[in-house]
Amino acid sequence: MSAPSTSCRINVFWHDGMLNHDTGKGVFDTGMNPGFLEVLEKHPENSDRIRNIVSILSKGPISSYISWHSGSPATIHQLLSFHSQEYVDMLIEGDKNGGNKEICCGTFLNPGSFNAALLAAGTTLSAMKYILDGYGELVYALVRPPGHHAQPTQADGYCFFNNAGLAVQLALDSGCKKVLVLDIDVHYGNGTAEGFYRSDKVLTVSLHMNHGSWGPSHPQNGTVDELGEGEGFGYNLNVPLPNGSGDNGYGYAMREVVIPAVEKFEPDMMVLVIGQDSSAFDPNGRQCLTMDGYREIGRMVRRLADKHCGSRLLIVQEGGYHVTYSAYCVHATLEGVLDLPHPLLSDPIAYYPEDETFAVKAIEAIKQFQMKNVPMLKDV
């Protein structure tokens, strides 16, 4: 088989220094050893999940469609385009003191963590710059630690720096007029939303399970009424989905809520924030997406990017904690983004029964709320 043309390739930005973030072991993500368990599990956000994604993209059937690029650390100046000086200084000080610090629930700054976080942020910025400089349209920042929960002034949910938010700000600073962020991680992309909550230049759309707030580090609820403030009112759209919404539920949400909003917004740059913790059997989510569901979302997003953004699309990695199936679902997502006519890889789960009836009712209610309350959507 001949190699794909450069117009049908995904440029992957990666640096193996991000594997040096050691999140430790314990009871799930607590780091706690209760003393009565013989086997302690790795923190869900561990390097194995990313090693498998790197491996499946470099050795799997999609490998001929992938071009690899090396990332580099972000500078402090770059971090300050999204984060406050006080917050960055706190992380610097924690790293200088040797790490070994729980920044917030489940989020551990250990030796090597800060440098890995700098690499994640810088690699995502390098990926965005590659698009902005005209070298490629389809670009994937394969990064960890994740970032979409990190707010301008605090860490949250395994995240230190908001990788996607930094990239969005770079796009705006480089002349982009309107940027779409579509987040399909199973958790609300609250940090990215918070960073642009008062801006009408960024439309943040998050499809997530209806988990609500989980404490001081995550005060946002991800509910439909968190619509933005000031000039940004109506430019933060939350789609909290019932547990088990599955492929059909997500597809319905994309068609009925996401695509109409994107059509009205007409972005000139798109950022797809992916987390495979929405997948079937993920230990950190309950949404039951399969490879087919991720593949179809990728295909829908690619068509939106082709129509509005000259195909310019940055994909940023977030969660996904089933060490094997997450890698398969990333593979399927990128197959969809490439708009390949046939799947390259079969699904090891193959079939997961689902009933989208409840999801459809919830999505219809969300749609009606948005059409009533969001100025941009009132005449859709």
Protein backbone atom coordinates (compact mmCIF):
# COMPACT_ATOMS: atom_id res chain seq x y z
CA MET A 1 0.00 0.00 0.00
CA SER A 2 1.38 3.40 -0.94
CA ALA A 3 1.83 6.06 1.74
CA PRO A 4 -1.03 8.53 2.21
CA SER A 5 -0.68 12.02 0.79
CA THR A 6 0.31 14.85 3.14
CA SER A 7 -3.27 16.14 2.95
CA CYS A 8 -4.46 12.92 4.63
CA ARG A 9 -2.04 12.75 7.55
CA ILE A 10 -2.16 13.63 11.21
CA ASN A 11 0.88 15.36 12.67
CA VAL A 12 1.43 14.02 16.19
CA PHE A 13 3.42 16.10 18.68
CA TRP A 14 4.95 14.08 21.49
CA HIS A 15 7.88 14.04 23.93
CA ASP A 16 8.75 11.02 26.07
CA GLY A 17 9.81 13.31 28.95
CA MET A 18 6.10 13.47 29.80
CA LEU A 19 6.36 9.87 31.00
CA ASN A 20 8.43 11.08 33.97
CA HIS A 21 5.36 12.34 35.82
CA ASP A 22 4.95 9.61 38.46
CA THR A 23 1.50 9.73 40.05
CA GLY A 24 2.19 6.87 42.46
CA LYS A 25 0.02 4.07 43.79
CA GLY A 26 -2.84 3.78 46.25
CA VAL A 27 -6.58 3.31 46.37
CA PHE A 28 -7.62 4.55 42.94
CA ASP A 29 -6.46 8.22 42.75
CA THR A 30 -6.11 8.97 46.47
CA GLY A 31 -2.50 7.89 46.97
CA MET A 32 -3.74 6.26 50.17
CA ASN A 33 -2.46 2.93 51.48
CA PRO A 34 -5.09 1.66 53.94
CA GLY A 35 -2.75 -1.06 55.17
CA PHE A 36 -5.04 -4.00 54.49
CA LEU A 37 -4.66 -4.39 50.70
CA GLU A 38 -1.95 -6.65 49.33
CA VAL A 39 -1.95 -5.02 45.88
CA LEU A 40 -2.12 -1.25 45.44
CA GLU A 41 -3.14 -0.04 42.00
CA LYS A 42 -1.45 2.65 39.97
CA HIS A 43 -3.04 6.10 39.95
CA PRO A 44 -5.41 6.10 36.93
CA GLU A 45 -3.43 8.91 35.26
CA ASN A 46 -0.26 6.88 34.85
CA SER A 47 2.30 6.60 32.08
CA ASP A 48 1.09 3.17 30.89
CA ARG A 49 -2.04 4.67 29.32
CA ILE A 50 0.05 7.05 27.22
CA ARG A 51 2.67 4.42 26.34
CA ASN A 52 -0.09 2.36 24.75
CA ILE A 53 -1.42 5.32 22.78
CA VAL A 54 2.07 6.06 21.45
CA SER A 55 2.52 2.37 20.64
CA ILE A 56 -0.78 1.87 18.82
CA LEU A 57 -0.20 4.97 16.68
CA SER A 58 3.37 4.00 15.81
CA LYS A 59 2.79 0.27 15.29
CA GLY A 60 -0.91 -0.08 14.53
CA PRO A 61 -2.59 0.10 11.10
CA ILE A 62 -2.94 3.88 11.31
CA SER A 63 0.84 4.34 11.52
CA SER A 64 1.25 5.17 7.82
CA TYR A 65 -1.08 8.15 8.31
CA ILE A 66 0.98 9.58 11.19
CA SER A 67 3.87 12.05 11.09
CA TRP A 68 5.78 12.43 14.37
CA HIS A 69 7.14 15.67 15.78
CA SER A 70 8.93 16.47 19.02
CA GLY A 71 7.54 18.89 21.55
CA SER A 72 9.45 21.24 23.86
CA PRO A 73 8.82 22.75 27.31
CA ALA A 74 6.69 25.85 27.70
CA THR A 75 8.35 28.97 29.03
CA ILE A 76 7.06 30.78 32.11
CA HIS A 77 6.11 33.70 29.87
CA GLN A 78 3.94 31.39 27.77
CA LEU A 79 2.22 29.96 30.85
CA LEU A 80 1.27 33.46 31.97
CA SER A 81 -0.90 33.92 28.88
CA PHE A 82 -3.49 31.77 30.68
CA HIS A 83 -2.35 31.27 34.29
CA SER A 84 -1.69 33.76 37.07
CA GLN A 85 1.84 34.56 38.25
CA GLU A 86 0.94 33.50 41.82
CA TYR A 87 -0.24 30.07 40.70
CA VAL A 88 2.79 29.42 38.50
CA ASP A 89 5.10 30.58 41.33
CA MET A 90 3.40 28.14 43.71
CA LEU A 91 4.13 25.23 41.40
CA ILE A 92 7.72 26.37 40.87
CA GLU A 93 8.24 26.58 44.62
CA GLY A 94 6.67 23.16 45.14
CA ASP A 95 9.01 21.66 42.56
CA LYS A 96 12.06 23.35 44.11
CA ASN A 97 11.13 21.85 47.45
CA GLY A 98 11.28 18.37 45.96
CA GLY A 99 7.68 17.81 45.01
CA ASN A 100 5.96 15.04 46.96
CA LYS A 101 2.95 17.30 47.39
CA GLU A 102 -0.76 16.75 46.81
CA ILE A 103 -1.83 19.99 45.14
CA CYS A 104 -5.50 19.09 45.32
CA CYS A 105 -7.55 15.91 45.56
CA GLY A 106 -5.93 13.25 43.35
CA THR A 107 -3.39 15.67 41.83
CA PHE A 108 0.18 14.96 42.91
CA LEU A 109 3.27 17.09 42.25
CA ASN A 110 6.13 14.61 42.53
CA PRO A 111 9.75 14.83 41.34
CA GLY A 112 9.57 15.05 37.54
CA SER A 113 5.96 16.25 37.51
CA PHE A 114 6.65 19.93 36.94
CA ASN A 115 8.97 19.31 33.99
CA ALA A 116 6.44 16.90 32.49
CA ALA A 117 3.72 19.53 32.86
CA LEU A 118 5.94 22.10 31.14
CA LEU A 119 6.45 19.62 28.30
CA ALA A 120 2.71 18.96 28.02
CA ALA A 121 1.96 22.68 27.79
CA GLY A 122 4.84 23.40 25.42
CA THR A 123 4.11 20.41 23.19
CA THR A 124 0.51 21.59 22.79
CA LEU A 125 1.71 25.11 21.98
CA SER A 126 4.15 23.66 19.42
CA ALA A 127 1.27 21.74 17.85
CA MET A 128 -0.87 24.87 17.57
CA LYS A 129 2.03 26.90 16.18
CA TYR A 130 2.56 24.22 13.52
CA ILE A 131 -1.00 24.88 12.33
CA LEU A 132 -0.75 28.66 12.59
CA ASP A 133 2.50 28.68 10.60
CA GLY A 134 0.79 26.77 7.80
CA TYR A 135 2.74 23.51 8.01
CA GLY A 136 -0.29 21.27 8.51
CA GLU A 137 -4.00 21.28 9.23
CA LEU A 138 -4.62 18.11 11.26
CA VAL A 139 -2.46 18.09 14.38
CA TYR A 140 -2.65 16.02 17.57
CA ALA A 141 -0.96 17.00 20.83
CA LEU A 142 -0.41 13.67 22.59
CA VAL A 143 0.28 14.98 26.07
CA ARG A 144 0.20 14.26 29.80
CA PRO A 145 -0.40 15.36 32.47
CA PRO A 146 -3.81 16.43 31.16
CA GLY A 147 -4.93 20.05 31.37
CA HIS A 148 -8.59 20.86 30.85
CA HIS A 149 -9.45 21.11 34.56
CA ALA A 150 -6.56 23.50 35.33
CA GLN A 151 -8.01 26.96 35.90
CA PRO A 152 -6.11 30.26 35.67
CA THR A 153 -5.37 30.24 39.40
CA GLN A 154 -5.48 26.59 40.51
CA ALA A 155 -4.83 22.96 39.68
CA ASP A 156 -7.66 20.47 39.48
CA GLY A 157 -8.43 16.90 38.45
CA TYR A 158 -4.88 15.63 37.66
CA CYS A 159 -4.19 18.87 35.72
CA PHE A 160 -1.50 21.51 36.33
CA PHE A 161 -1.46 23.69 33.19
CA ASN A 162 -4.36 24.08 30.79
CA ASN A 163 -2.76 22.77 27.62
CA ALA A 164 -5.75 23.43 25.37
CA GLY A 165 -6.41 26.85 26.92
CA LEU A 166 -2.83 27.95 26.28
CA ALA A 167 -3.13 26.84 22.65
CA VAL A 168 -6.42 28.70 22.23
CA GLN A 169 -4.90 31.88 23.61
CA LEU A 170 -1.96 31.51 21.21
CA ALA A 171 -4.41 31.23 18.32
CA LEU A 172 -6.21 34.40 19.42
CA ASP A 173 -2.93 36.27 19.89
CA SER A 174 -1.88 35.14 16.40
CA GLY A 175 -4.91 36.63 14.68
CA CYS A 176 -7.66 34.02 14.88
CA LYS A 177 -10.99 35.76 15.38
CA LYS A 178 -13.15 32.90 16.68
CA VAL A 179 -12.00 29.61 18.17
CA LEU A 180 -14.17 26.60 18.97
CA VAL A 181 -13.24 24.24 21.80
CA LEU A 182 -15.20 20.98 21.76
CA ASP A 183 -14.44 18.83 24.80
CA ILE A 184 -15.62 15.20 24.80
CA ASP A 185 -13.74 14.04 27.90
CA VAL A 186 -16.15 12.42 30.36
CA HIS A 187 -15.62 15.29 32.80
CA TYR A 188 -16.55 18.95 32.35
CA GLY A 189 -13.72 20.98 30.82
CA ASN A 190 -14.18 23.51 33.59
CA GLY A 191 -10.71 25.02 33.47
CA THR A 192 -10.88 25.88 29.78
CA ALA A 193 -14.40 27.23 30.24
CA GLU A 194 -13.25 29.37 33.19
CA GLY A 195 -10.37 30.82 31.19
CA PHE A 196 -12.68 32.11 28.43
CA TYR A 197 -15.91 32.53 30.42
CA ARG A 198 -16.12 36.25 29.64
CA SER A 199 -15.05 36.08 25.99
CA ASP A 200 -17.20 35.97 22.88
CA LYS A 201 -14.16 34.99 20.81
CA VAL A 202 -14.11 31.41 22.14
CA LEU A 203 -17.06 29.03 22.05
CA THR A 204 -16.47 26.30 24.63
CA VAL A 205 -18.72 23.24 24.29
CA SER A 206 -18.39 20.36 26.73
CA LEU A 207 -20.11 16.97 26.51
CA HIS A 208 -19.69 15.27 29.88
CA MET A 209 -21.38 13.03 32.39
CA ASN A 210 -23.54 14.92 34.85
CA HIS A 211 -21.09 14.79 37.77
CA GLY A 212 -21.46 18.28 39.26
CA SER A 213 -18.85 19.92 41.47
CA TRP A 214 -16.36 17.71 43.31
CA GLY A 215 -15.04 20.25 45.81
CA PRO A 216 -13.01 23.47 46.16
CA SER A 217 -10.71 22.70 43.23
CA HIS A 218 -13.71 22.15 40.93
CA PRO A 219 -16.42 24.64 41.98
CA GLN A 220 -18.14 24.60 38.59
CA ASN A 221 -21.09 22.24 38.16
CA GLY A 222 -21.08 21.83 34.37
CA THR A 223 -24.82 22.46 34.25
CA VAL A 224 -26.71 23.97 31.33
CA ASP A 225 -27.12 27.34 33.07
CA GLU A 226 -23.35 27.99 33.22
CA LEU A 227 -23.47 29.98 29.99
CA GLY A 228 -20.66 32.50 30.43
CA GLU A 229 -20.67 36.06 31.70
CA GLY A 230 -20.58 39.57 30.20
CA GLU A 231 -19.52 39.47 26.56
CA GLY A 232 -19.09 35.72 26.96
CA PHE A 233 -22.72 35.04 27.83
CA GLY A 234 -23.97 32.29 25.56
CA TYR A 235 -20.48 31.18 24.53
CA ASN A 236 -20.10 28.39 27.09
CA LEU A 237 -22.41 25.51 26.27
CA ASN A 238 -22.59 22.55 28.61
CA VAL A 239 -24.17 19.27 27.58
CA PRO A 240 -24.36 17.16 30.77
CA LEU A 241 -25.34 13.70 29.59
CA PRO A 242 -26.96 10.87 31.55
CA ASN A 243 -24.68 8.00 32.50
CA GLY A 244 -24.53 5.37 29.76
CA SER A 245 -25.50 7.71 26.92
CA GLY A 246 -23.36 5.63 24.55
CA ASP A 247 -22.62 6.01 20.85
CA ASN A 248 -26.18 6.87 19.86
CA GLY A 249 -26.65 9.40 22.65
CA TYR A 250 -23.41 11.19 21.82
CA GLY A 251 -24.23 11.17 18.12
CA TYR A 252 -27.63 12.69 18.85
CA ALA A 253 -26.04 15.39 21.03
CA MET A 254 -23.57 16.22 18.28
CA ARG A 255 -26.28 16.52 15.62
CA GLU A 256 -28.90 18.34 17.69
CA VAL A 257 -26.82 20.61 19.94
CA VAL A 258 -23.15 20.85 18.94
CA ILE A 259 -23.27 21.14 15.16
CA PRO A 260 -26.02 23.83 15.08
CA ALA A 261 -24.05 25.93 17.59
CA VAL A 262 -20.83 25.58 15.58
CA GLU A 263 -22.68 26.52 12.38
CA LYS A 264 -23.91 29.72 14.03
CA PHE A 265 -20.53 30.57 15.58
CA GLU A 266 -18.49 29.98 12.38
CA PRO A 267 -15.04 29.46 13.95
CA ASP A 268 -11.81 29.98 12.06
CA MET A 269 -9.94 27.51 14.31
CA MET A 270 -11.12 24.34 16.03
CA VAL A 271 -9.72 22.52 19.05
CA LEU A 272 -11.04 19.03 19.80
CA VAL A 273 -10.30 18.03 23.38
CA ILE A 274 -10.46 14.26 23.64
CA GLY A 275 -10.70 11.97 26.65
CA GLN A 276 -11.33 8.27 26.28
CA ASP A 277 -12.71 8.13 29.82
CA SER A 278 -16.08 8.41 28.05
CA SER A 279 -15.50 4.88 26.77
CA ALA A 280 -17.09 1.60 27.76
CA PHE A 281 -15.52 0.12 30.91
CA ASP A 282 -13.33 3.13 31.72
CA PRO A 283 -12.69 3.17 35.50
CA ASN A 284 -13.30 6.91 35.69
CA GLY A 285 -16.44 7.31 33.58
CA ARG A 286 -19.82 5.78 32.83
CA GLN A 287 -20.67 6.83 29.30
CA CYS A 288 -20.12 3.60 27.34
CA LEU A 289 -18.78 5.05 24.08
CA THR A 290 -17.20 2.45 21.82
CA MET A 291 -14.73 2.78 18.97
CA ASP A 292 -17.61 3.37 16.55
CA GLY A 293 -18.82 6.32 18.63
CA TYR A 294 -15.40 7.96 18.77
CA ARG A 295 -14.87 7.32 15.08
CA GLU A 296 -18.15 9.06 14.20
CA ILE A 297 -17.41 12.06 16.45
CA GLY A 298 -14.03 12.41 14.78
CA ARG A 299 -15.69 12.31 11.37
CA MET A 300 -18.27 14.98 12.33
CA VAL A 301 -15.58 17.27 13.71
CA ARG A 302 -13.42 16.86 10.61
CA ARG A 303 -16.32 17.93 8.40
CA LEU A 304 -16.93 21.00 10.54
CA ALA A 305 -13.23 21.88 10.33
CA ASP A 306 -13.26 21.44 6.56
CA LYS A 307 -16.29 23.72 6.23
CA HIS A 308 -15.32 26.52 8.60
CA CYS A 309 -11.60 26.43 9.32
CA GLY A 310 -9.83 25.38 6.15
CA SER A 311 -9.47 21.94 7.81
CA ARG A 312 -7.40 23.45 10.64
CA LEU A 313 -7.96 21.25 13.67
CA LEU A 314 -5.91 20.79 16.83
CA ILE A 315 -6.66 17.65 18.87
CA VAL A 316 -5.52 17.68 22.50
CA GLN A 317 -5.33 14.58 24.67
CA GLU A 318 -6.93 14.58 28.13
CA GLY A 319 -8.24 11.57 30.07
CA GLY A 320 -8.78 7.91 29.27
CA TYR A 321 -7.76 5.41 31.94
CA HIS A 322 -8.47 1.93 30.62
CA VAL A 323 -4.90 1.14 29.64
CA THR A 324 -5.85 -0.95 26.59
CA TYR A 325 -9.21 0.29 25.38
CA SER A 326 -8.25 3.97 25.60
CA ALA A 327 -5.55 3.36 23.01
CA TYR A 328 -8.02 1.62 20.71
CA CYS A 329 -10.46 4.52 21.08
CA VAL A 330 -7.78 7.12 20.28
CA HIS A 331 -6.99 5.10 17.16
CA ALA A 332 -10.68 5.16 16.19
CA THR A 333 -11.00 8.90 16.89
CA LEU A 334 -8.12 9.65 14.55
CA GLU A 335 -9.55 7.30 11.90
CA GLY A 336 -12.69 9.45 12.02
CA VAL A 337 -10.72 12.69 11.80
CA LEU A 338 -8.97 11.28 8.74
CA ASP A 339 -12.45 10.46 7.36
CA LEU A 340 -11.25 7.03 6.26
CA PRO A 341 -13.86 5.01 4.34
CA HIS A 342 -13.44 1.86 6.45
CA PRO A 343 -12.22 1.11 9.97
CA LEU A 344 -8.59 0.08 10.15
CA LEU A 345 -8.93 -1.69 13.48
CA SER A 346 -11.73 -3.85 14.84
CA ASP A 347 -13.20 -3.27 18.28
CA PRO A 348 -12.10 -5.85 20.90
CA ILE A 349 -15.34 -5.21 22.77
CA ALA A 350 -17.30 -5.30 19.49
CA TYR A 351 -20.70 -4.65 21.01
CA TYR A 352 -22.05 -2.91 24.07
CA PRO A 353 -25.84 -2.79 24.47
CA GLU A 354 -27.27 0.68 24.90
CA ASP A 355 -30.59 2.45 25.09
CA GLU A 356 -30.45 6.11 24.10
CA THR A 357 -34.04 6.88 25.11
CA PHE A 358 -33.08 8.66 28.35
CA ALA A 359 -30.19 10.46 26.66
CA VAL A 360 -32.44 11.74 23.86
CA LYS A 361 -34.91 13.18 26.39
CA ALA A 362 -32.09 14.94 28.27
CA ILE A 363 -30.54 16.31 25.07
CA GLU A 364 -33.91 17.62 23.87
CA ALA A 365 -34.31 19.45 27.20
CA ILE A 366 -30.80 20.92 26.88
CA LYS A 367 -31.52 21.98 23.31
CA GLN A 368 -34.76 23.74 24.29
CA PHE A 369 -33.01 25.52 27.18
CA GLN A 370 -30.24 26.78 24.91
CA MET A 371 -32.63 27.93 22.19
CA LYS A 372 -34.55 29.93 24.80
CA ASN A 373 -31.56 31.42 26.67
CA VAL A 374 -28.60 31.69 24.28
CA PRO A 375 -28.91 34.71 21.96
CA MET A 376 -26.84 33.11 19.20
CA LEU A 377 -29.18 30.11 19.06
CA LYS A 378 -32.60 31.71 19.43
CA ASP A 379 -33.34 31.65 15.71
CA VAL A 380 -31.86 28.22 14.95
